[in-house]
C-alpha atoms as a PDB file:
ATOM      1  CA  MET A   1      -0.012   0.109   0.124  1.00  0.00           C
ATOM      2  CA  MET A   2       1.440   3.596  -0.956  1.00  0.00           C
ATOM      3  CA  ARG A   3      -0.106   6.617   0.834  1.00  0.00           C
ATOM      4  CA  ILE A   4      -0.114   9.602  -1.439  1.00  0.00           C
ATOM      5  CA  ARG A   5      -0.638  13.206  -0.530  1.00  0.00           C
ATOM      6  CA  CYS A   6      -1.943  15.679  -2.944  1.00  0.00           C
ATOM      7  CA  ASP A   7      -2.350  19.447  -2.965  1.00  0.00           C
ATOM      8  CA  VAL A   8      -5.416  20.807  -4.918  1.00  0.00           C
ATOM      9  CA  THR A   9      -6.948  24.003  -5.700  1.00  0.00           C
ATOM     10  CA  TYR A  10     -10.571  24.250  -6.857  1.00  0.00           C
ATOM     11  CA  ASP A  11     -13.250  26.886  -7.930  1.00  0.00           C
ATOM     12  CA  GLY A  12     -16.077  25.984  -5.469  1.00  0.00           C
ATOM     13  CA  SER A  13     -18.957  27.870  -7.144  1.00  0.00           C
ATOM     14  CA  GLN A  14     -20.394  24.915  -8.998  1.00  0.00           C
ATOM     15  CA  PHE A  15     -19.887  22.303  -6.215  1.00  0.00           C
ATOM     16  CA  HIS A  16     -22.136  21.446  -3.270  1.00  0.00           C
ATOM     17  CA  GLY A  17     -19.065  21.577  -0.977  1.00  0.00           C
ATOM     18  CA  PHE A  18     -15.852  19.146  -0.569  1.00  0.00           C
ATOM     19  CA  GLN A  19     -17.530  16.047   0.919  1.00  0.00           C
ATOM     20  CA  VAL A  20     -19.353  13.276  -1.017  1.00  0.00           C
ATOM     21  CA  GLN A  21     -23.098  13.762  -1.175  1.00  0.00           C
ATOM     22  CA  SER A  22     -25.511  11.530  -2.983  1.00  0.00           C
ATOM     23  CA  LYS A  23     -26.753  13.076  -6.180  1.00  0.00           C
ATOM     24  CA  CYS A  24     -24.750  16.220  -5.662  1.00  0.00           C
ATOM     25  CA  ARG A  25     -21.457  17.327  -7.408  1.00  0.00           C
ATOM     26  CA  THR A  26     -18.641  17.476  -4.985  1.00  0.00           C
ATOM     27  CA  VAL A  27     -15.038  18.082  -5.024  1.00  0.00           C
ATOM     28  CA  GLN A  28     -14.192  14.751  -3.296  1.00  0.00           C
ATOM     29  CA  GLY A  29     -16.615  12.969  -5.459  1.00  0.00           C
ATOM     30  CA  GLU A  30     -14.915  14.415  -8.679  1.00  0.00           C
ATOM     31  CA  ILE A  31     -11.515  13.340  -7.402  1.00  0.00           C
ATOM     32  CA  GLN A  32     -12.350   9.963  -6.215  1.00  0.00           C
ATOM     33  CA  LYS A  33     -13.951   9.412  -9.727  1.00  0.00           C
ATOM     34  CA  ALA A  34     -10.806  10.353 -11.374  1.00  0.00           C
ATOM     35  CA  ILE A  35      -8.448   8.080  -9.097  1.00  0.00           C
ATOM     36  CA  ARG A  36     -10.728   5.121  -9.783  1.00  0.00           C
ATOM     37  CA  ASN A  37     -10.083   5.650 -13.620  1.00  0.00           C
ATOM     38  CA  ILE A  38      -6.442   5.154 -12.967  1.00  0.00           C
ATOM     39  CA  CYS A  39      -6.459   2.510 -10.227  1.00  0.00           C
ATOM     40  CA  LYS A  40      -9.546   0.441 -11.219  1.00  0.00           C
ATOM     41  CA  GLU A  41     -10.258   0.000  -7.517  1.00  0.00           C
ATOM     42  CA  LYS A  42     -12.446   1.860  -4.809  1.00  0.00           C
ATOM     43  CA  VAL A  43     -10.335   4.708  -3.349  1.00  0.00           C
ATOM     44  CA  VAL A  44     -11.538   7.124  -0.591  1.00  0.00           C
ATOM     45  CA  ILE A  45      -9.727  10.304  -0.380  1.00  0.00           C
ATOM     46  CA  HIS A  46      -9.503  12.103   3.139  1.00  0.00           C
ATOM     47  CA  GLY A  47      -9.194  15.982   3.080  1.00  0.00           C
ATOM     48  CA  SER A  48      -7.828  18.127   5.496  1.00  0.00           C
ATOM     49  CA  GLY A  49     -11.253  19.561   6.111  1.00  0.00           C
ATOM     50  CA  ARG A  50     -14.639  20.320   4.409  1.00  0.00           C
ATOM     51  CA  THR A  51     -15.241  23.212   2.639  1.00  0.00           C
ATOM     52  CA  ASP A  52     -18.997  24.211   1.991  1.00  0.00           C
ATOM     53  CA  ALA A  53     -20.974  24.814  -1.104  1.00  0.00           C
ATOM     54  CA  LYS A  54     -19.452  27.788  -3.208  1.00  0.00           C
ATOM     55  CA  VAL A  55     -16.329  27.972  -1.019  1.00  0.00           C
ATOM     56  CA  HIS A  56     -13.045  27.837  -2.857  1.00  0.00           C
ATOM     57  CA  ALA A  57      -9.726  26.491  -1.952  1.00  0.00           C
ATOM     58  CA  ILE A  58      -6.322  27.805  -3.129  1.00  0.00           C
ATOM     59  CA  ARG A  59      -4.346  24.955  -1.424  1.00  0.00           C
ATOM     60  CA  GLN A  60      -6.461  22.217   0.071  1.00  0.00           C
ATOM     61  CA  VAL A  61      -4.683  19.007   1.026  1.00  0.00           C
ATOM     62  CA  PHE A  62      -5.985  15.254   0.733  1.00  0.00           C
ATOM     63  CA  HIS A  63      -4.396  11.824   0.954  1.00  0.00           C
ATOM     64  CA  PHE A  64      -5.391   8.331  -0.254  1.00  0.00           C
ATOM     65  CA  ASP A  65      -4.191   4.905  -0.095  1.00  0.00           C
ATOM     66  CA  THR A  66      -3.625   2.685  -3.095  1.00  0.00           C
ATOM     67  CA  ASN A  67      -2.241  -0.682  -4.111  1.00  0.00           C
ATOM     68  CA  LYS A  68      -1.449   0.793  -7.557  1.00  0.00           C
ATOM     69  CA  LYS A  69       2.255   0.921  -8.105  1.00  0.00           C
ATOM     70  CA  PHE A  70       2.799   4.369  -9.657  1.00  0.00           C
ATOM     71  CA  PRO A  71       5.564   6.925  -9.317  1.00  0.00           C
ATOM     72  CA  ALA A  72       4.441   9.343  -6.684  1.00  0.00           C
ATOM     73  CA  GLU A  73       5.024  12.542  -8.747  1.00  0.00           C
ATOM     74  CA  GLN A  74       3.198  11.355 -11.634  1.00  0.00           C
ATOM     75  CA  TRP A  75      -0.103  11.175  -9.816  1.00  0.00           C
ATOM     76  CA  LYS A  76      -0.645  14.816 -10.369  1.00  0.00           C
ATOM     77  CA  GLN A  77      -0.760  14.523 -14.127  1.00  0.00           C
ATOM     78  CA  ALA A  78      -2.395  11.452 -13.915  1.00  0.00           C
ATOM     79  CA  ILE A  79      -5.255  12.638 -12.013  1.00  0.00           C
ATOM     80  CA  ASN A  80      -5.302  15.975 -13.492  1.00  0.00           C
ATOM     81  CA  HIS A  81      -6.008  14.074 -16.916  1.00  0.00           C
ATOM     82  CA  PHE A  82      -9.556  12.941 -15.515  1.00  0.00           C
ATOM     83  CA  LEU A  83     -10.570  16.021 -13.659  1.00  0.00           C
ATOM     84  CA  PRO A  84     -13.052  18.716 -14.730  1.00  0.00           C
ATOM     85  CA  SER A  85     -11.511  22.251 -15.410  1.00  0.00           C
ATOM     86  CA  ASP A  86     -12.672  23.553 -12.071  1.00  0.00           C
ATOM     87  CA  ILE A  87     -10.355  21.256 -10.046  1.00  0.00           C
ATOM     88  CA  TYR A  88      -6.607  21.055 -10.355  1.00  0.00           C
ATOM     89  CA  ILE A  89      -3.988  18.961  -8.437  1.00  0.00           C
ATOM     90  CA  LEU A  90      -0.941  21.223  -7.669  1.00  0.00           C
ATOM     91  CA  SER A  91       1.389  18.662  -6.393  1.00  0.00           C
ATOM     92  CA  SER A  92       1.499  14.924  -5.317  1.00  0.00           C
ATOM     93  CA  GLU A  93       4.101  13.077  -3.292  1.00  0.00           C
ATOM     94  CA  GLU A  94       4.212   9.939  -1.211  1.00  0.00           C
ATOM     95  CA  VAL A  95       3.989   9.960   2.638  1.00  0.00           C
ATOM     96  CA  ASP A  96       4.432   7.601   5.121  1.00  0.00           C
ATOM     97  CA  GLU A  97       1.505   5.700   7.088  1.00  0.00           C
ATOM     98  CA  HIS A  98       1.443   8.145  10.011  1.00  0.00           C
ATOM     99  CA  PHE A  99       0.498  11.263   7.733  1.00  0.00           C
ATOM    100  CA  HIS A 100      -2.992  12.040   7.750  1.00  0.00           C
ATOM    101  CA  SER A 101      -4.447  15.129   5.958  1.00  0.00           C
ATOM    102  CA  ARG A 102      -6.794  16.092   8.791  1.00  0.00           C
ATOM    103  CA  TYR A 103      -5.289  14.945  12.023  1.00  0.00           C
ATOM    104  CA  SER A 104      -1.821  15.809  11.230  1.00  0.00           C
ATOM    105  CA  ALA A 105      -2.703  19.449  10.368  1.00  0.00           C
ATOM    106  CA  ILE A 106      -1.390  21.941  12.871  1.00  0.00           C
ATOM    107  CA  GLN A 107      -2.678  25.046  11.347  1.00  0.00           C
ATOM    108  CA  LYS A 108      -5.237  26.371   8.776  1.00  0.00           C
ATOM    109  CA  GLU A 109      -5.288  29.815   7.026  1.00  0.00           C
ATOM    110  CA  TYR A 110      -8.581  31.173   5.367  1.00  0.00           C
ATOM    111  CA  HIS A 111      -9.077  34.346   3.286  1.00  0.00           C
ATOM    112  CA  TYR A 112     -12.210  36.324   2.558  1.00  0.00           C
ATOM    113  CA  LYS A 113     -12.831  38.916  -0.052  1.00  0.00           C
ATOM    114  CA  LEU A 114     -15.354  41.508   0.077  1.00  0.00           C
ATOM    115  CA  ASN A 115     -16.269  44.348  -2.426  1.00  0.00           C
ATOM    116  CA  MET A 116     -17.090  47.701  -1.429  1.00  0.00           C
ATOM    117  CA  ASN A 117     -17.170  49.267  -4.900  1.00  0.00           C
ATOM    118  CA  THR A 118     -19.957  49.242  -7.519  1.00  0.00           C
ATOM    119  CA  TYR A 119     -21.437  45.875  -7.941  1.00  0.00           C
ATOM    120  CA  ASN A 120     -19.288  43.751 -10.152  1.00  0.00           C
ATOM    121  CA  PRO A 121     -21.288  40.835 -11.988  1.00  0.00           C
ATOM    122  CA  LEU A 122     -17.893  39.170 -13.140  1.00  0.00           C
ATOM    123  CA  GLN A 123     -16.759  38.561  -9.493  1.00  0.00           C
ATOM    124  CA  THR A 124     -19.881  37.537  -7.853  1.00  0.00           C
ATOM    125  CA  LYS A 125     -18.770  33.876  -7.353  1.00  0.00           C
ATOM    126  CA  TYR A 126     -15.619  34.776  -6.065  1.00  0.00           C
ATOM    127  CA  THR A 127     -15.904  38.306  -4.107  1.00  0.00           C
ATOM    128  CA  TYR A 128     -18.692  39.069  -1.762  1.00  0.00           C
ATOM    129  CA  GLN A 129     -20.562  42.000  -3.417  1.00  0.00           C
ATOM    130  CA  TYR A 130     -21.146  44.203  -0.320  1.00  0.00           C
ATOM    131  CA  CYS A 131     -21.000  47.341  -2.469  1.00  0.00           C
ATOM    132  CA  ARG A 132     -21.201  49.704   0.729  1.00  0.00           C
ATOM    133  CA  VAL A 133     -18.387  51.502   2.903  1.00  0.00           C
ATOM    134  CA  LEU A 134     -17.397  49.909   5.942  1.00  0.00           C
ATOM    135  CA  ASP A 135     -15.370  51.257   8.787  1.00  0.00           C
ATOM    136  CA  ILE A 136     -12.043  49.463   8.218  1.00  0.00           C
ATOM    137  CA  LYS A 137     -10.334  50.702  11.522  1.00  0.00           C
ATOM    138  CA  LYS A 138     -13.307  49.593  13.638  1.00  0.00           C
ATOM    139  CA  MET A 139     -13.212  46.118  12.295  1.00  0.00           C
ATOM    140  CA  GLN A 140      -9.491  45.967  12.848  1.00  0.00           C
ATOM    141  CA  GLU A 141      -9.852  46.983  16.375  1.00  0.00           C
ATOM    142  CA  VAL A 142     -12.626  44.533  17.172  1.00  0.00           C
ATOM    143  CA  SER A 143     -11.145  41.680  15.324  1.00  0.00           C
ATOM    144  CA  GLN A 144      -8.387  41.368  17.852  1.00  0.00           C
ATOM    145  CA  ILE A 145     -10.818  40.205  20.536  1.00  0.00           C
ATOM    146  CA  PHE A 146     -10.928  36.657  18.875  1.00  0.00           C
ATOM    147  CA  LEU A 147      -7.183  36.070  19.044  1.00  0.00           C
ATOM    148  CA  GLY A 148      -6.069  33.307  21.406  1.00  0.00           C
ATOM    149  CA  GLU A 149      -8.006  30.219  22.604  1.00  0.00           C
ATOM    150  CA  HIS A 150     -11.540  30.770  23.209  1.00  0.00           C
ATOM    151  CA  ASP A 151     -14.907  28.840  23.090  1.00  0.00           C
ATOM    152  CA  PHE A 152     -16.254  29.873  19.668  1.00  0.00           C
ATOM    153  CA  ALA A 153     -19.795  28.236  20.192  1.00  0.00           C
ATOM    154  CA  SER A 154     -21.350  31.444  19.569  1.00  0.00           C
ATOM    155  CA  PHE A 155     -19.794  31.589  16.175  1.00  0.00           C
ATOM    156  CA  CYS A 156     -20.036  28.318  14.605  1.00  0.00           C
ATOM    157  CA  THR A 157     -22.454  25.307  13.994  1.00  0.00           C
ATOM    158  CA  TYR A 158     -21.647  22.276  16.264  1.00  0.00           C
ATOM    159  CA  ASP A 159     -23.592  19.288  17.806  1.00  0.00           C
ATOM    160  CA  GLN A 160     -23.835  18.753  21.484  1.00  0.00           C
ATOM    161  CA  TYR A 161     -20.691  16.680  21.597  1.00  0.00           C
ATOM    162  CA  GLY A 162     -18.573  18.936  19.523  1.00  0.00           C
ATOM    163  CA  ASN A 163     -15.451  20.585  20.951  1.00  0.00           C
ATOM    164  CA  THR A 164     -15.890  24.343  20.096  1.00  0.00           C
ATOM    165  CA  ILE A 165     -12.322  25.685  21.546  1.00  0.00           C
ATOM    166  CA  ARG A 166     -10.047  26.680  19.163  1.00  0.00           C
ATOM    167  CA  LYS A 167      -7.145  29.123  18.983  1.00  0.00           C
ATOM    168  CA  LEU A 168      -6.903  31.979  16.424  1.00  0.00           C
ATOM    169  CA  TYR A 169      -3.161  32.961  15.732  1.00  0.00           C
ATOM    170  CA  THR A 170      -3.500  35.807  13.556  1.00  0.00           C
ATOM    171  CA  ILE A 171      -6.546  37.949  12.325  1.00  0.00           C
ATOM    172  CA  THR A 172      -5.796  40.783   9.602  1.00  0.00           C
ATOM    173  CA  ILE A 173      -8.079  43.024   7.766  1.00  0.00           C
ATOM    174  CA  GLU A 174      -6.547  44.882   4.659  1.00  0.00           C
ATOM    175  CA  GLU A 175      -8.372  47.057   2.123  1.00  0.00           C
ATOM    176  CA  LYS A 176      -6.951  47.991  -1.292  1.00  0.00           C
ATOM    177  CA  GLU A 177      -9.047  49.924  -4.007  1.00  0.00           C
ATOM    178  CA  GLY A 178     -12.126  49.004  -2.271  1.00  0.00           C
ATOM    179  CA  ILE A 179     -11.573  45.251  -2.001  1.00  0.00           C
ATOM    180  CA  VAL A 180     -11.378  44.215   1.745  1.00  0.00           C
ATOM    181  CA  THR A 181      -9.388  40.823   2.450  1.00  0.00           C
ATOM    182  CA  PHE A 182     -10.083  39.117   5.952  1.00  0.00           C
ATOM    183  CA  LYS A 183      -7.293  36.704   6.884  1.00  0.00           C
ATOM    184  CA  LEU A 184      -7.645  34.346   9.478  1.00  0.00           C
ATOM    185  CA  SER A 185      -5.245  31.453  10.755  1.00  0.00           C
ATOM    186  CA  GLY A 186      -5.677  29.094  13.800  1.00  0.00           C
ATOM    187  CA  ASN A 187      -5.232  25.601  14.947  1.00  0.00           C
ATOM    188  CA  GLY A 188      -8.526  24.645  13.434  1.00  0.00           C
ATOM    189  CA  PHE A 189     -12.103  26.052  12.613  1.00  0.00           C
ATOM    190  CA  ARG A 190     -15.538  24.477  13.155  1.00  0.00           C
ATOM    191  CA  ARG A 191     -18.269  24.673  10.614  1.00  0.00           C
ATOM    192  CA  TYR A 192     -19.210  28.342   9.559  1.00  0.00           C
ATOM    193  CA  MET A 193     -16.861  29.857  11.942  1.00  0.00           C
ATOM    194  CA  VAL A 194     -14.851  31.852   9.535  1.00  0.00           C
ATOM    195  CA  ARG A 195     -18.060  33.174   7.975  1.00  0.00           C
ATOM    196  CA  HIS A 196     -19.603  34.006  11.397  1.00  0.00           C
ATOM    197  CA  ILE A 197     -16.419  35.856  12.605  1.00  0.00           C
ATOM    198  CA  VAL A 198     -16.475  37.807   9.492  1.00  0.00           C
ATOM    199  CA  GLY A 199     -20.162  38.378   9.403  1.00  0.00           C
ATOM    200  CA  ALA A 200     -19.919  40.001  12.889  1.00  0.00           C
ATOM    201  CA  LEU A 201     -17.103  42.108  11.732  1.00  0.00           C
ATOM    202  CA  ILE A 202     -18.978  43.361   8.687  1.00  0.00           C
ATOM    203  CA  GLN A 203     -21.664  44.330  11.093  1.00  0.00           C
ATOM    204  CA  VAL A 204     -19.284  46.174  13.279  1.00  0.00           C
ATOM    205  CA  GLY A 205     -17.970  47.895  10.160  1.00  0.00           C
ATOM    206  CA  ALA A 206     -21.586  48.934   9.412  1.00  0.00           C
ATOM    207  CA  ASN A 207     -22.147  50.403  12.796  1.00  0.00           C
ATOM    208  CA  ARG A 208     -24.803  47.704  13.545  1.00  0.00           C
ATOM    209  CA  LEU A 209     -22.843  45.779  16.140  1.00  0.00           C
ATOM    210  CA  THR A 210     -20.463  47.340  18.900  1.00  0.00           C
ATOM    211  CA  LYS A 211     -17.283  45.836  20.157  1.00  0.00           C
ATOM    212  CA  SER A 212     -18.962  45.077  23.650  1.00  0.00           C
ATOM    213  CA  GLN A 213     -21.849  43.188  21.979  1.00  0.00           C
ATOM    214  CA  VAL A 214     -19.193  40.974  19.840  1.00  0.00           C
ATOM    215  CA  GLU A 215     -17.381  40.317  23.175  1.00  0.00           C
ATOM    216  CA  GLU A 216     -20.607  39.523  25.053  1.00  0.00           C
ATOM    217  CA  MET A 217     -21.537  37.054  22.399  1.00  0.00           C
ATOM    218  CA  LEU A 218     -17.953  35.431  22.484  1.00  0.00           C
ATOM    219  CA  GLN A 219     -17.861  35.262  26.359  1.00  0.00           C
ATOM    220  CA  SER A 220     -21.367  33.732  26.295  1.00  0.00           C
ATOM    221  CA  ARG A 221     -19.944  30.320  24.836  1.00  0.00           C
ATOM    222  CA  GLY A 222     -23.061  29.732  22.650  1.00  0.00           C
ATOM    223  CA  GLN A 223     -25.830  31.238  24.858  1.00  0.00           C
ATOM    224  CA  LYS A 224     -25.924  34.200  22.433  1.00  0.00           C
ATOM    225  CA  LYS A 225     -25.407  33.152  18.940  1.00  0.00           C
ATOM    226  CA  CYS A 226     -24.023  35.356  16.041  1.00  0.00           C
ATOM    227  CA  LEU A 227     -26.924  35.519  13.864  1.00  0.00           C
ATOM    228  CA  HIS A 228     -24.578  37.128  10.974  1.00  0.00           C
ATOM    229  CA  LYS A 229     -23.204  34.774   8.479  1.00  0.00           C
ATOM    230  CA  ALA A 230     -21.027  35.995   5.550  1.00  0.00           C
ATOM    231  CA  LYS A 231     -21.744  34.533   2.039  1.00  0.00           C
ATOM    232  CA  PRO A 232     -19.893  31.707   1.029  1.00  0.00           C
ATOM    233  CA  GLN A 233     -18.705  33.189  -2.173  1.00  0.00           C
ATOM    234  CA  GLY A 234     -15.778  35.324  -0.744  1.00  0.00           C
ATOM    235  CA  LEU A 235     -14.279  32.230   1.284  1.00  0.00           C
ATOM    236  CA  TYR A 236     -10.910  30.533   0.319  1.00  0.00           C
ATOM    237  CA  LEU A 237      -9.273  27.809   2.283  1.00  0.00           C
ATOM    238  CA  TYR A 238      -5.787  29.347   1.667  1.00  0.00           C
ATOM    239  CA  ARG A 239      -3.180  26.997   3.264  1.00  0.00           C
ATOM    240  CA  VAL A 240      -2.887  24.080   5.619  1.00  0.00           C
ATOM    241  CA  PHE A 241       0.130  23.772   7.586  1.00  0.00           C
ATOM    242  CA  TYR A 242       1.916  20.661   8.801  1.00  0.00           C
ATOM    243  CA  LYS A 243       5.069  19.821  10.944  1.00  0.00           C
END
């Protein structure tokens, strides 16, 4: 058995997320179909995490095990041959059996893009068309309360058994020519966590939420939920880090 790690980029606008779903087009489903064409065996890929419908990836990571004897570096070309145009394998390499795309990851970075300019129909799938001016300095100030280890139950979706404690290492907000980029890195993110944090910050920038209200939500540990979730189209899984 060989274990192969691949780094992949994809345009998520035409997918119902990363994870396989019955009767829905998914990133995992397309990649597994491509690998089966090569191996002639059932292969399940394991991603570093799930991205939701319409969410993109600059560099997602997955691994799979196979009996196919094939030079590791050639998997990139072979899989790409069978993939649709909105998915592309960036690299492939053999890793040892202890590597796991999800459990070996120590840090993830997400980016979120928002447009404060006039509506741009050419960018609706890739940048959230907010089309109003936000207070960048106020968002930058409030964003710092999320740094460090917190219970993010108010800013994510989870089941009753889920651990919602995560640690954010960095969060920055940059604006250039009316395009705002939120960058968040941490040891892990629960479902919708990035979108809820960004959603709350957008409300801060629009003067609809105050710093004290955001702090109150965070400290409530799920008792007071953030009701603002940013649109998926502006979100990108930017990079996954390993030791």
